[in-house]
Amino acid sequence: MALKFSDKVKETLNPVYDFARSRKVKLYLVGGALRDLILKRKKDNPDFDFCLKSGALSFGRKLAVHLRAAFVLLDEEHGACRLVKKLDGKIYTFDLTDFRGPTLENDLLHRDFTINSLALDLKDVFSDKDLNAAIIDHYRGREDLKRKIIRVTHKNSFPEDPLRIMRAFSFSCMLGFSVDKETLRLAKKDKSRISSVSTERLRDELFKIFESAESHTALVTLDRLKILEIIFPEIKPMRNIGQGPYHHLDVWQHTLETLKQFELLLPQAGKNARIKQYLDEEISGLRRRVSLLKFACILHDIGKPGALRRQNKKIIFHGHERVGLGLTRSICRRLKLSNEESRSLERIVLCHLRPGYLADSDHPTPRAVFRYFRDTGTDALAVLLLSLSD
């Protein structure tokens, strides 16, 4: 079957191509747009990546003026910038970078994964020919797309940018692909480097994982590789803490199980239009309430190690929700979450035991029910869903 971009994409990219041609600049379309074209995958907010031999910043600034787009400097040292343009109510981004080596082939070698190492001369976007023959694929990216595999282009991919360790899992979740064994081995080997990555970049990849219906699977693998506890050192004390006769798992395994049960609950909950609308609400940027609630599953018992006491040979965690509140507040600051996201997570962690207390009573008083909804506010349903999963 012939491979071609839609007329809409051609219309979007035509001003970029015309401007490049008028400046005698040879542009290559690379990465995600080609990957998604082959996979027949559509995005709500399209983004396009371009590379050129040199001068990306100078060219990008001039192109931004021509397109009346916002210009964002991403990396001055490596010649990377972003143009942001609103078209027909959608936000489009155009990223431009200098070659990461003397040739296009060298540049593609330094892309994160083989599935993102595809390239196409921009002029070919507008030709009538089948793009199957025109796509440049030096590192078997198309083969890995067919095999549904996430694979690094070379063994030093993670040292070049340790965030790629998290991106391997966010791409795996987003595309429904598997991370290949050698890439997992390299991720484990280079995991300590992830501590050098800014918390904002880690946060964004983490929430991409939470957007997936299979985020539990990804987090279990990240946990098995001991990567998750580098990002969240608070996890380590949760391991191997038994919880008495009412629990068959330690605190941390119970936490992961809560996330699993929440994801199993979602399809049923989503059948209710009002619940679905509530969970799909964007809280900050493009981050939805459902993703925030998955994060709350991870944080809800984070205060248990600090609240652990032994009383009459029993393990108790009285007040762990308040200890957890403090830790959650610290984590929210570290990840630079918005005020609204932070308030929501803090309230869910603090109140996650309340539905259980109400359920212990055969007939909760109207006053007790009123206090629950007063104290939980807009997070009342979120707390209930977490409590069911817990």
Protein backbone atom coordinates (compact mmCIF):
# COMPACT_ATOMS: atom_id res chain seq x y z
CA MET A 1 0.00 0.00 0.00
CA ALA A 2 1.36 3.42 -0.99
CA LEU A 3 2.58 5.60 1.88
CA LYS A 4 1.68 9.29 1.67
CA PHE A 5 1.01 12.21 3.97
CA SER A 6 -2.50 13.63 4.05
CA ASP A 7 -3.36 16.86 2.26
CA LYS A 8 -3.77 18.48 5.69
CA VAL A 9 -0.18 17.64 6.67
CA LYS A 10 1.09 18.88 3.31
CA GLU A 11 -0.82 22.12 3.79
CA THR A 12 0.72 22.50 7.28
CA LEU A 13 4.28 21.81 6.14
CA ASN A 14 4.16 23.70 2.84
CA PRO A 15 5.04 27.14 4.33
CA VAL A 16 8.04 25.55 6.08
CA TYR A 17 9.23 23.92 2.85
CA ASP A 18 8.72 27.08 0.76
CA PHE A 19 10.67 29.17 3.26
CA ALA A 20 13.52 26.61 3.41
CA ARG A 21 13.69 26.43 -0.38
CA SER A 22 13.79 30.22 -0.68
CA ARG A 23 16.76 30.23 1.72
CA LYS A 24 18.40 27.26 -0.06
CA VAL A 25 18.24 25.24 3.19
CA LYS A 26 17.91 21.45 2.90
CA LEU A 27 15.55 20.20 5.60
CA TYR A 28 14.88 16.62 6.63
CA LEU A 29 11.72 15.51 8.38
CA VAL A 30 12.73 13.02 11.08
CA GLY A 31 11.35 10.91 13.89
CA GLY A 32 7.81 10.80 15.20
CA ALA A 33 5.89 12.11 12.18
CA LEU A 34 7.32 9.34 10.00
CA ARG A 35 6.88 6.72 12.70
CA ASP A 36 3.23 7.69 13.14
CA LEU A 37 2.65 7.79 9.37
CA ILE A 38 3.83 4.19 9.05
CA LEU A 39 1.75 3.14 12.07
CA LYS A 40 -1.28 5.10 10.73
CA ARG A 41 -1.40 6.86 14.09
CA LYS A 42 -3.00 10.29 14.49
CA LYS A 43 -2.22 12.82 17.22
CA ASP A 44 -4.49 15.52 18.59
CA ASN A 45 -1.60 17.98 18.84
CA PRO A 46 0.74 17.25 15.92
CA ASP A 47 4.46 17.90 16.18
CA PHE A 48 7.13 17.77 13.50
CA ASP A 49 10.89 17.33 13.92
CA PHE A 50 13.36 18.63 11.35
CA CYS A 51 17.13 18.50 11.12
CA LEU A 52 19.58 20.40 8.95
CA LYS A 53 23.35 20.32 8.57
CA SER A 54 23.90 23.52 10.60
CA GLY A 55 22.36 26.88 11.48
CA ALA A 56 19.13 25.56 13.02
CA LEU A 57 18.84 28.43 15.52
CA SER A 58 19.31 31.19 12.96
CA PHE A 59 16.98 29.51 10.49
CA GLY A 60 14.44 28.79 13.24
CA ARG A 61 14.29 32.43 14.36
CA LYS A 62 13.68 33.63 10.79
CA LEU A 63 11.09 30.90 10.16
CA ALA A 64 9.27 31.86 13.38
CA VAL A 65 8.91 35.43 12.12
CA HIS A 66 7.73 34.19 8.72
CA LEU A 67 5.14 31.83 10.26
CA ARG A 68 4.20 34.25 13.05
CA ALA A 69 4.99 31.47 15.50
CA ALA A 70 6.49 31.55 18.99
CA PHE A 71 10.21 30.74 19.14
CA VAL A 72 11.58 28.65 22.03
CA LEU A 73 15.30 28.02 22.51
CA LEU A 74 15.75 24.39 23.62
CA ASP A 75 19.52 23.88 23.54
CA GLU A 76 21.90 26.57 22.32
CA GLU A 77 24.99 24.35 22.53
CA HIS A 78 23.52 21.65 20.28
CA GLY A 79 21.50 23.99 18.07
CA ALA A 80 17.96 23.00 19.00
CA CYS A 81 14.84 25.18 18.98
CA ARG A 82 11.06 24.87 18.83
CA LEU A 83 8.41 26.85 17.01
CA VAL A 84 4.86 26.80 18.39
CA LYS A 85 1.96 27.72 16.12
CA LYS A 86 -1.80 27.57 16.60
CA LEU A 87 -3.66 26.40 13.50
CA ASP A 88 -7.38 25.65 13.32
CA GLY A 89 -7.63 25.47 17.10
CA LYS A 90 -4.75 22.97 17.42
CA ILE A 91 -1.25 23.58 18.76
CA TYR A 92 1.48 22.52 16.32
CA THR A 93 5.15 22.34 17.25
CA PHE A 94 8.06 22.40 14.82
CA ASP A 95 11.42 21.35 16.31
CA LEU A 96 14.64 22.13 14.45
CA THR A 97 18.09 20.75 15.29
CA ASP A 98 21.56 20.77 13.78
CA PHE A 99 23.00 17.44 12.66
CA ARG A 100 24.49 15.62 15.66
CA GLY A 101 27.44 14.62 13.50
CA PRO A 102 28.99 15.43 10.12
CA THR A 103 26.31 13.58 8.11
CA LEU A 104 22.63 12.72 8.27
CA GLU A 105 23.53 9.09 8.96
CA ASN A 106 25.58 10.18 12.00
CA ASP A 107 22.70 12.35 13.16
CA LEU A 108 20.21 9.49 12.96
CA LEU A 109 22.59 7.24 14.90
CA HIS A 110 22.29 9.65 17.83
CA ARG A 111 18.47 9.56 17.90
CA ASP A 112 17.00 7.85 20.96
CA PHE A 113 15.45 4.71 19.43
CA THR A 114 15.50 3.02 16.04
CA ILE A 115 11.79 3.70 15.52
CA ASN A 116 12.59 7.43 15.73
CA SER A 117 15.67 7.27 13.49
CA LEU A 118 13.76 7.51 10.21
CA ALA A 119 14.25 10.52 7.91
CA LEU A 120 12.75 11.99 4.75
CA ASP A 121 13.91 14.84 2.53
CA LEU A 122 11.18 17.44 3.13
CA LYS A 123 10.67 17.95 -0.61
CA ASP A 124 9.51 14.31 -0.89
CA VAL A 125 6.52 15.07 1.35
CA PHE A 126 4.99 16.96 -1.58
CA SER A 127 5.77 14.48 -4.35
CA ASP A 128 3.20 12.04 -5.67
CA LYS A 129 5.51 9.06 -5.28
CA ASP A 130 5.16 6.31 -2.69
CA LEU A 131 7.17 7.36 0.38
CA ASN A 132 8.04 3.75 1.19
CA ALA A 133 10.98 4.04 -1.20
CA ALA A 134 11.97 7.56 -0.10
CA ILE A 135 12.21 7.07 3.68
CA ILE A 136 15.81 6.87 4.89
CA ASP A 137 16.25 4.01 7.38
CA HIS A 138 19.85 3.24 8.34
CA TYR A 139 19.12 1.44 11.63
CA ARG A 140 16.25 -0.97 10.89
CA GLY A 141 13.62 1.32 12.38
CA ARG A 142 10.87 0.06 10.08
CA GLU A 143 11.68 -3.53 10.99
CA ASP A 144 11.36 -2.65 14.69
CA LEU A 145 8.03 -0.91 14.01
CA LYS A 146 6.80 -4.11 12.41
CA ARG A 147 8.11 -6.18 15.35
CA LYS A 148 6.70 -3.65 17.85
CA ILE A 149 10.05 -3.26 19.58
CA ILE A 150 11.66 -0.30 21.38
CA ARG A 151 15.42 -0.55 20.74
CA VAL A 152 18.23 1.97 21.21
CA THR A 153 20.21 2.94 18.12
CA HIS A 154 23.56 2.34 19.87
CA LYS A 155 24.96 1.26 23.23
CA ASN A 156 25.75 4.81 24.41
CA SER A 157 22.24 6.11 23.83
CA PHE A 158 21.37 6.32 27.54
CA PRO A 159 24.63 8.02 28.63
CA GLU A 160 24.00 10.64 25.91
CA ASP A 161 20.63 11.45 27.49
CA PRO A 162 19.60 9.40 30.56
CA LEU A 163 15.99 10.58 30.19
CA ARG A 164 15.80 8.09 27.34
CA ILE A 165 15.56 5.36 29.97
CA MET A 166 12.14 6.72 30.98
CA ARG A 167 11.26 7.46 27.36
CA ALA A 168 11.75 3.79 26.49
CA PHE A 169 8.88 3.00 28.85
CA SER A 170 6.67 5.94 27.89
CA PHE A 171 6.99 4.94 24.21
CA SER A 172 6.32 1.32 25.17
CA CYS A 173 3.10 2.39 26.91
CA MET A 174 2.05 4.88 24.22
CA LEU A 175 2.56 2.49 21.30
CA GLY A 176 1.90 -0.86 22.98
CA PHE A 177 5.43 -2.03 22.12
CA SER A 178 7.91 -4.13 24.10
CA VAL A 179 11.34 -2.89 25.18
CA ASP A 180 13.95 -5.26 23.75
CA LYS A 181 16.17 -7.26 26.11
CA GLU A 182 19.45 -5.53 25.28
CA THR A 183 17.83 -2.11 25.76
CA LEU A 184 16.53 -3.25 29.17
CA ARG A 185 20.03 -4.46 30.07
CA LEU A 186 21.53 -1.10 29.11
CA ALA A 187 18.80 0.74 31.06
CA LYS A 188 19.69 -1.24 34.18
CA LYS A 189 23.41 -0.65 33.61
CA ASP A 190 23.03 3.12 33.14
CA LYS A 191 20.19 3.71 35.62
CA SER A 192 22.28 5.77 38.08
CA ARG A 193 22.66 8.46 35.41
CA ILE A 194 18.96 9.24 35.64
CA SER A 195 19.61 11.26 38.81
CA SER A 196 21.26 13.92 36.60
CA VAL A 197 18.01 14.56 34.68
CA SER A 198 15.83 17.52 35.66
CA THR A 199 12.74 16.60 37.66
CA GLU A 200 10.48 18.39 35.17
CA ARG A 201 11.63 16.15 32.31
CA LEU A 202 11.23 13.03 34.45
CA ARG A 203 7.77 14.21 35.52
CA ASP A 204 6.63 14.61 31.92
CA GLU A 205 7.69 11.08 30.95
CA LEU A 206 6.13 9.65 34.11
CA PHE A 207 2.78 11.23 33.27
CA LYS A 208 3.00 9.89 29.71
CA ILE A 209 3.24 6.45 31.32
CA PHE A 210 0.24 7.23 33.54
CA GLU A 211 -1.75 8.19 30.42
CA SER A 212 -1.51 4.57 29.25
CA ALA A 213 -3.99 1.86 30.20
CA GLU A 214 -0.97 -0.36 30.99
CA SER A 215 1.04 1.94 33.25
CA HIS A 216 1.10 -0.70 36.01
CA THR A 217 3.07 -3.06 33.76
CA ALA A 218 5.63 -0.36 32.95
CA LEU A 219 6.06 0.64 36.60
CA VAL A 220 6.56 -2.99 37.64
CA THR A 221 9.43 -3.27 35.15
CA LEU A 222 10.90 0.08 36.23
CA ASP A 223 10.66 -1.18 39.81
CA ARG A 224 12.28 -4.51 38.97
CA LEU A 225 15.21 -2.65 37.40
CA LYS A 226 15.42 -0.46 40.55
CA ILE A 227 14.97 2.67 38.42
CA LEU A 228 11.81 3.97 40.09
CA GLU A 229 13.45 4.31 43.51
CA ILE A 230 16.15 6.56 42.03
CA ILE A 231 13.42 9.01 41.03
CA PHE A 232 11.47 8.45 44.25
CA PRO A 233 13.83 7.46 47.12
CA GLU A 234 10.73 7.37 49.35
CA ILE A 235 9.88 3.99 47.80
CA LYS A 236 12.84 2.10 49.27
CA PRO A 237 11.65 2.18 52.93
CA MET A 238 8.27 0.79 51.78
CA ARG A 239 9.83 -2.51 50.73
CA ASN A 240 9.64 -5.57 52.99
CA ILE A 241 7.33 -3.93 55.54
CA GLY A 242 4.60 -6.42 56.43
CA GLN A 243 1.13 -5.09 57.23
CA GLY A 244 -0.40 -7.69 59.50
CA PRO A 245 -3.18 -10.24 58.88
CA TYR A 246 -5.33 -7.96 56.70
CA HIS A 247 -2.69 -7.71 53.97
CA HIS A 248 -0.85 -10.41 52.02
CA LEU A 249 1.66 -7.98 50.46
CA ASP A 250 4.28 -5.64 51.86
CA VAL A 251 3.60 -1.89 51.70
CA TRP A 252 5.27 -1.34 48.33
CA GLN A 253 3.81 -4.40 46.59
CA HIS A 254 0.41 -3.41 47.97
CA THR A 255 0.94 0.05 46.45
CA LEU A 256 1.62 -1.44 43.01
CA GLU A 257 -1.40 -3.72 43.41
CA THR A 258 -3.57 -0.67 44.17
CA LEU A 259 -2.53 0.86 40.85
CA LYS A 260 -3.27 -2.43 39.08
CA GLN A 261 -6.74 -2.63 40.64
CA PHE A 262 -7.43 1.00 39.73
CA GLU A 263 -6.61 0.29 36.08
CA LEU A 264 -8.87 -2.77 36.18
CA LEU A 265 -11.63 -0.59 37.63
CA LEU A 266 -11.37 2.14 34.98
CA PRO A 267 -13.20 0.43 32.06
CA GLN A 268 -16.25 -0.20 34.25
CA ALA A 269 -16.15 3.27 35.83
CA GLY A 270 -15.76 4.84 32.38
CA LYS A 271 -19.13 3.48 31.28
CA ASN A 272 -20.69 6.21 33.40
CA ALA A 273 -20.53 9.38 31.29
CA ARG A 274 -20.21 11.72 34.29
CA ILE A 275 -17.40 9.68 35.86
CA LYS A 276 -15.60 9.53 32.50
CA GLN A 277 -15.91 13.29 32.08
CA TYR A 278 -14.59 13.78 35.62
CA LEU A 279 -11.55 11.54 35.03
CA ASP A 280 -10.80 13.05 31.60
CA GLU A 281 -10.72 16.61 32.94
CA GLU A 282 -7.40 18.37 32.33
CA ILE A 283 -6.02 19.59 35.65
CA SER A 284 -2.85 21.24 34.39
CA GLY A 285 -1.55 21.54 30.85
CA LEU A 286 -2.37 18.26 29.15
CA ARG A 287 -2.31 16.22 32.39
CA ARG A 288 -5.67 14.65 33.15
CA ARG A 289 -7.26 13.79 36.48
CA VAL A 290 -7.06 10.05 35.71
CA SER A 291 -3.25 10.29 35.45
CA LEU A 292 -3.07 12.28 38.67
CA LEU A 293 -5.17 9.62 40.38
CA LYS A 294 -2.75 6.91 39.23
CA PHE A 295 0.03 8.91 40.84
CA ALA A 296 -2.10 9.10 43.99
CA CYS A 297 -2.24 5.28 43.97
CA ILE A 298 1.56 5.29 44.16
CA LEU A 299 1.65 7.90 46.93
CA HIS A 300 -1.31 6.93 49.12
CA ASP A 301 0.64 4.74 51.60
CA ILE A 302 3.99 6.49 51.31
CA GLY A 303 3.73 7.60 54.96
CA LYS A 304 3.51 4.06 56.38
CA PRO A 305 7.26 3.51 57.00
CA GLY A 306 7.41 6.76 59.00
CA ALA A 307 4.28 5.90 61.00
CA LEU A 308 5.20 2.26 61.71
CA ARG A 309 4.74 1.22 65.35
CA ARG A 310 4.47 -2.13 67.12
CA GLN A 311 1.77 -2.41 69.75
CA ASN A 312 0.95 -5.66 71.57
CA LYS A 313 2.89 -7.58 68.91
CA LYS A 314 0.80 -5.93 66.19
CA ILE A 315 2.04 -3.65 63.41
CA ILE A 316 0.11 -0.38 63.28
CA PHE A 317 0.39 2.67 61.03
CA HIS A 318 -1.72 5.21 62.93
CA GLY A 319 -1.42 8.64 61.34
CA HIS A 320 0.31 7.39 58.19
CA GLU A 321 -1.98 9.55 56.08
CA ARG A 322 -0.61 12.69 57.79
CA VAL A 323 2.98 11.53 57.40
CA GLY A 324 2.12 10.78 53.76
CA LEU A 325 0.70 14.27 53.34
CA GLY A 326 4.08 15.80 54.21
CA LEU A 327 5.98 13.47 51.87
CA THR A 328 3.48 14.07 49.07
CA ARG A 329 3.86 17.83 49.47
CA SER A 330 7.64 17.47 49.19
CA ILE A 331 7.37 15.27 46.07
CA CYS A 332 4.95 17.71 44.41
CA ARG A 333 7.43 20.55 44.96
CA ARG A 334 10.27 18.43 43.62
CA LEU A 335 8.35 17.59 40.44
CA LYS A 336 7.16 21.21 40.12
CA LEU A 337 3.52 20.18 39.82
CA SER A 338 0.94 22.94 39.58
CA ASN A 339 -0.76 24.26 42.72
CA GLU A 340 -4.01 22.57 41.72
CA GLU A 341 -2.31 19.21 41.12
CA SER A 342 -0.46 19.46 44.42
CA ARG A 343 -3.60 20.34 46.38
CA SER A 344 -5.48 17.45 44.80
CA LEU A 345 -2.77 14.85 45.51
CA GLU A 346 -2.32 16.09 49.08
CA ARG A 347 -6.05 15.92 49.75
CA ILE A 348 -6.41 12.43 48.24
CA VAL A 349 -3.50 11.07 50.31
CA LEU A 350 -4.77 12.73 53.49
CA CYS A 351 -8.36 11.52 53.04
CA HIS A 352 -7.85 8.09 51.46
CA LEU A 353 -8.95 6.26 54.65
CA ARG A 354 -12.17 8.23 55.08
CA PRO A 355 -14.44 6.09 52.83
CA GLY A 356 -13.33 3.02 54.78
CA TYR A 357 -14.27 4.69 58.06
CA LEU A 358 -17.70 5.54 56.67
CA ALA A 359 -18.13 1.98 55.38
CA ASP A 360 -17.38 0.59 58.85
CA SER A 361 -20.68 2.07 59.99
CA ASP A 362 -23.89 0.36 58.92
CA HIS A 363 -25.63 3.72 58.81
CA PRO A 364 -23.26 6.71 58.44
CA THR A 365 -24.89 9.84 59.81
CA PRO A 366 -25.81 12.64 57.39
CA ARG A 367 -23.35 14.82 59.31
CA ALA A 368 -20.49 12.33 58.70
CA VAL A 369 -21.33 12.16 55.00
CA PHE A 370 -21.50 15.95 54.82
CA ARG A 371 -18.07 16.25 56.48
CA TYR A 372 -16.60 13.81 53.95
CA PHE A 373 -17.77 15.84 50.95
CA ARG A 374 -16.85 19.11 52.65
CA ASP A 375 -13.29 17.96 53.35
CA THR A 376 -12.63 16.24 50.01
CA GLY A 377 -14.31 18.86 47.79
CA THR A 378 -13.72 18.24 44.07
CA ASP A 379 -11.61 15.18 44.97
CA ALA A 380 -14.50 13.31 46.64
CA LEU A 381 -14.98 10.90 43.73
CA ALA A 382 -11.21 10.47 43.27
CA VAL A 383 -10.85 9.45 46.92
CA LEU A 384 -13.71 6.96 46.57
CA LEU A 385 -12.16 5.37 43.47
CA LEU A 386 -8.77 5.11 45.18
CA SER A 387 -10.40 3.59 48.25
CA LEU A 388 -12.11 0.93 46.12
CA SER A 389 -8.78 0.10 44.46
CA ASP A 390 -7.00 0.08 47.83
